[in-house]
Amino acid sequence: MRPNIVLMIADDIPRNMLGAYGAEHGLSPHLDGLARDGLKFDRAYTTAPLCTPSRFSLLTGRYASNASSITAHRPWNLVGFNTFLTGTEPTIAHRLQRAG
């Protein structure tokens, strides 16, 4: 049986606001339950300081500076909010779908 995978990205939520990481206010009971019953990360690193290129890297496994949305604009290939999926980059969703 193949596992169920839920990939949740929560931008701009400090870890100390979630009960799964020690907050005691009780504002995130469902997220805390998912963390308790599933997997949570105690260390995480990002490939970029902005949310859009970080999400691109997470979904594709590639640095955002290599995104086709960026490389099409060389030599001004500044990584920022202009990083987006063009449909040419395979994502984790494509790979999981191919795996069934």
C-alpha atoms as a PDB file:
ATOM      1  CA  MET A   1       0.000   0.000   0.000  1.00  0.00           C
ATOM      2  CA  ARG A   2       1.387   3.378  -0.963  1.00  0.00           C
ATOM      3  CA  PRO A   3       1.629   5.992   1.777  1.00  0.00           C
ATOM      4  CA  ASN A   4      -0.514   9.092   1.894  1.00  0.00           C
ATOM      5  CA  ILE A   5       1.552  12.258   1.688  1.00  0.00           C
ATOM      6  CA  VAL A   6       0.466  15.674   2.857  1.00  0.00           C
ATOM      7  CA  LEU A   7       2.943  18.447   2.149  1.00  0.00           C
ATOM      8  CA  MET A   8       1.978  21.523   4.067  1.00  0.00           C
ATOM      9  CA  ILE A   9       3.779  24.816   3.665  1.00  0.00           C
ATOM     10  CA  ALA A  10       2.957  27.537   6.152  1.00  0.00           C
ATOM     11  CA  ASP A  11       4.623  30.805   5.264  1.00  0.00           C
ATOM     12  CA  ASP A  12       5.221  33.409   7.908  1.00  0.00           C
ATOM     13  CA  ILE A  13       4.313  31.267  10.907  1.00  0.00           C
ATOM     14  CA  PRO A  14       7.104  31.159  13.458  1.00  0.00           C
ATOM     15  CA  ARG A  15       7.577  27.691  14.888  1.00  0.00           C
ATOM     16  CA  ASN A  16       6.981  28.973  18.423  1.00  0.00           C
ATOM     17  CA  MET A  17       3.352  29.708  17.406  1.00  0.00           C
ATOM     18  CA  LEU A  18       2.586  26.008  16.891  1.00  0.00           C
ATOM     19  CA  GLY A  19       1.814  23.612  19.721  1.00  0.00           C
ATOM     20  CA  ALA A  20       3.831  20.915  17.967  1.00  0.00           C
ATOM     21  CA  TYR A  21       6.896  23.043  18.661  1.00  0.00           C
ATOM     22  CA  GLY A  22       6.059  24.077  22.215  1.00  0.00           C
ATOM     23  CA  ALA A  23       3.382  26.795  22.091  1.00  0.00           C
ATOM     24  CA  GLU A  24       0.831  26.378  24.859  1.00  0.00           C
ATOM     25  CA  HIS A  25      -1.977  28.643  23.607  1.00  0.00           C
ATOM     26  CA  GLY A  26      -3.881  25.822  21.866  1.00  0.00           C
ATOM     27  CA  LEU A  27      -4.518  27.777  18.648  1.00  0.00           C
ATOM     28  CA  SER A  28      -3.391  25.027  16.282  1.00  0.00           C
ATOM     29  CA  PRO A  29      -4.932  21.745  17.523  1.00  0.00           C
ATOM     30  CA  HIS A  30      -5.390  20.213  14.061  1.00  0.00           C
ATOM     31  CA  LEU A  31      -1.842  21.030  12.960  1.00  0.00           C
ATOM     32  CA  ASP A  32      -0.567  19.725  16.277  1.00  0.00           C
ATOM     33  CA  GLY A  33      -2.480  16.476  15.707  1.00  0.00           C
ATOM     34  CA  LEU A  34      -0.990  16.081  12.231  1.00  0.00           C
ATOM     35  CA  ALA A  35       2.477  16.618  13.660  1.00  0.00           C
ATOM     36  CA  ARG A  36       1.845  14.136  16.468  1.00  0.00           C
ATOM     37  CA  ASP A  37       0.502  11.435  14.131  1.00  0.00           C
ATOM     38  CA  GLY A  38       2.839  12.095  11.228  1.00  0.00           C
ATOM     39  CA  LEU A  39       6.231  13.644  10.734  1.00  0.00           C
ATOM     40  CA  LYS A  40       7.560  17.012  11.788  1.00  0.00           C
ATOM     41  CA  PHE A  41      10.896  18.592  11.051  1.00  0.00           C
ATOM     42  CA  ASP A  42      13.077  19.874  13.851  1.00  0.00           C
ATOM     43  CA  ARG A  43      15.610  21.392  11.451  1.00  0.00           C
ATOM     44  CA  ALA A  44      14.806  22.951   8.121  1.00  0.00           C
ATOM     45  CA  TYR A  45      16.825  24.932   5.647  1.00  0.00           C
ATOM     46  CA  THR A  46      15.806  27.004   2.684  1.00  0.00           C
ATOM     47  CA  THR A  47      17.438  27.710  -0.638  1.00  0.00           C
ATOM     48  CA  ALA A  48      16.265  31.323  -0.739  1.00  0.00           C
ATOM     49  CA  PRO A  49      15.207  34.013   1.735  1.00  0.00           C
ATOM     50  CA  LEU A  50      11.980  34.754  -0.186  1.00  0.00           C
ATOM     51  CA  CYS A  51       8.919  32.511  -0.133  1.00  0.00           C
ATOM     52  CA  THR A  52       8.329  32.209  -3.888  1.00  0.00           C
ATOM     53  CA  PRO A  53      11.782  30.936  -4.896  1.00  0.00           C
ATOM     54  CA  SER A  54      11.888  28.697  -1.791  1.00  0.00           C
ATOM     55  CA  ARG A  55       8.604  27.071  -2.814  1.00  0.00           C
ATOM     56  CA  PHE A  56       9.926  26.631  -6.351  1.00  0.00           C
ATOM     57  CA  SER A  57      12.962  24.772  -4.980  1.00  0.00           C
ATOM     58  CA  LEU A  58      10.863  22.632  -2.667  1.00  0.00           C
ATOM     59  CA  LEU A  59       8.513  21.577  -5.459  1.00  0.00           C
ATOM     60  CA  THR A  60      11.148  21.005  -8.156  1.00  0.00           C
ATOM     61  CA  GLY A  61      14.339  20.134  -6.293  1.00  0.00           C
ATOM     62  CA  ARG A  62      16.137  22.835  -8.298  1.00  0.00           C
ATOM     63  CA  TYR A  63      17.614  26.147  -7.301  1.00  0.00           C
ATOM     64  CA  ALA A  64      15.290  28.982  -8.254  1.00  0.00           C
ATOM     65  CA  SER A  65      18.111  30.667 -10.166  1.00  0.00           C
ATOM     66  CA  ASN A  66      17.770  27.810 -12.686  1.00  0.00           C
ATOM     67  CA  ALA A  67      14.021  28.263 -13.168  1.00  0.00           C
ATOM     68  CA  SER A  68      12.961  28.653 -16.777  1.00  0.00           C
ATOM     69  CA  SER A  69      11.041  31.778 -15.737  1.00  0.00           C
ATOM     70  CA  ILE A  70      14.381  33.274 -14.666  1.00  0.00           C
ATOM     71  CA  THR A  71      16.704  31.929 -17.336  1.00  0.00           C
ATOM     72  CA  ALA A  72      14.415  33.341 -20.038  1.00  0.00           C
ATOM     73  CA  HIS A  73      15.360  36.804 -18.764  1.00  0.00           C
ATOM     74  CA  ARG A  74      19.138  36.459 -18.729  1.00  0.00           C
ATOM     75  CA  PRO A  75      21.344  38.316 -18.000  1.00  0.00           C
ATOM     76  CA  TRP A  76      18.961  39.845 -15.441  1.00  0.00           C
ATOM     77  CA  ASN A  77      18.299  36.498 -13.785  1.00  0.00           C
ATOM     78  CA  LEU A  78      17.630  37.940 -10.362  1.00  0.00           C
ATOM     79  CA  VAL A  79      15.833  35.469  -8.143  1.00  0.00           C
ATOM     80  CA  GLY A  80      12.783  36.988  -6.533  1.00  0.00           C
ATOM     81  CA  PHE A  81       9.042  36.956  -6.859  1.00  0.00           C
ATOM     82  CA  ASN A  82       9.477  36.539 -10.618  1.00  0.00           C
ATOM     83  CA  THR A  83      10.329  32.866 -10.029  1.00  0.00           C
ATOM     84  CA  PHE A  84       7.395  30.717 -11.073  1.00  0.00           C
ATOM     85  CA  LEU A  85       6.575  27.324 -12.522  1.00  0.00           C
ATOM     86  CA  THR A  86       6.225  27.434 -16.292  1.00  0.00           C
ATOM     87  CA  GLY A  87       5.110  23.849 -16.723  1.00  0.00           C
ATOM     88  CA  THR A  88       8.451  22.720 -18.111  1.00  0.00           C
ATOM     89  CA  GLU A  89       9.923  21.822 -14.710  1.00  0.00           C
ATOM     90  CA  PRO A  90       8.817  18.462 -13.327  1.00  0.00           C
ATOM     91  CA  THR A  91       7.589  18.831  -9.745  1.00  0.00           C
ATOM     92  CA  ILE A  92       7.308  16.459  -6.836  1.00  0.00           C
ATOM     93  CA  ALA A  93       3.625  16.074  -7.770  1.00  0.00           C
ATOM     94  CA  HIS A  94       4.567  14.894 -11.277  1.00  0.00           C
ATOM     95  CA  ARG A  95       7.023  12.380  -9.871  1.00  0.00           C
ATOM     96  CA  LEU A  96       4.541  11.041  -7.329  1.00  0.00           C
ATOM     97  CA  GLN A  97       1.872  10.748 -10.014  1.00  0.00           C
ATOM     98  CA  ARG A  98       4.238   8.783 -12.255  1.00  0.00           C
ATOM     99  CA  ALA A  99       4.999   6.476  -9.315  1.00  0.00           C
ATOM    100  CA  GLY A 100       1.279   5.772  -8.971  1.00  0.00           C
END
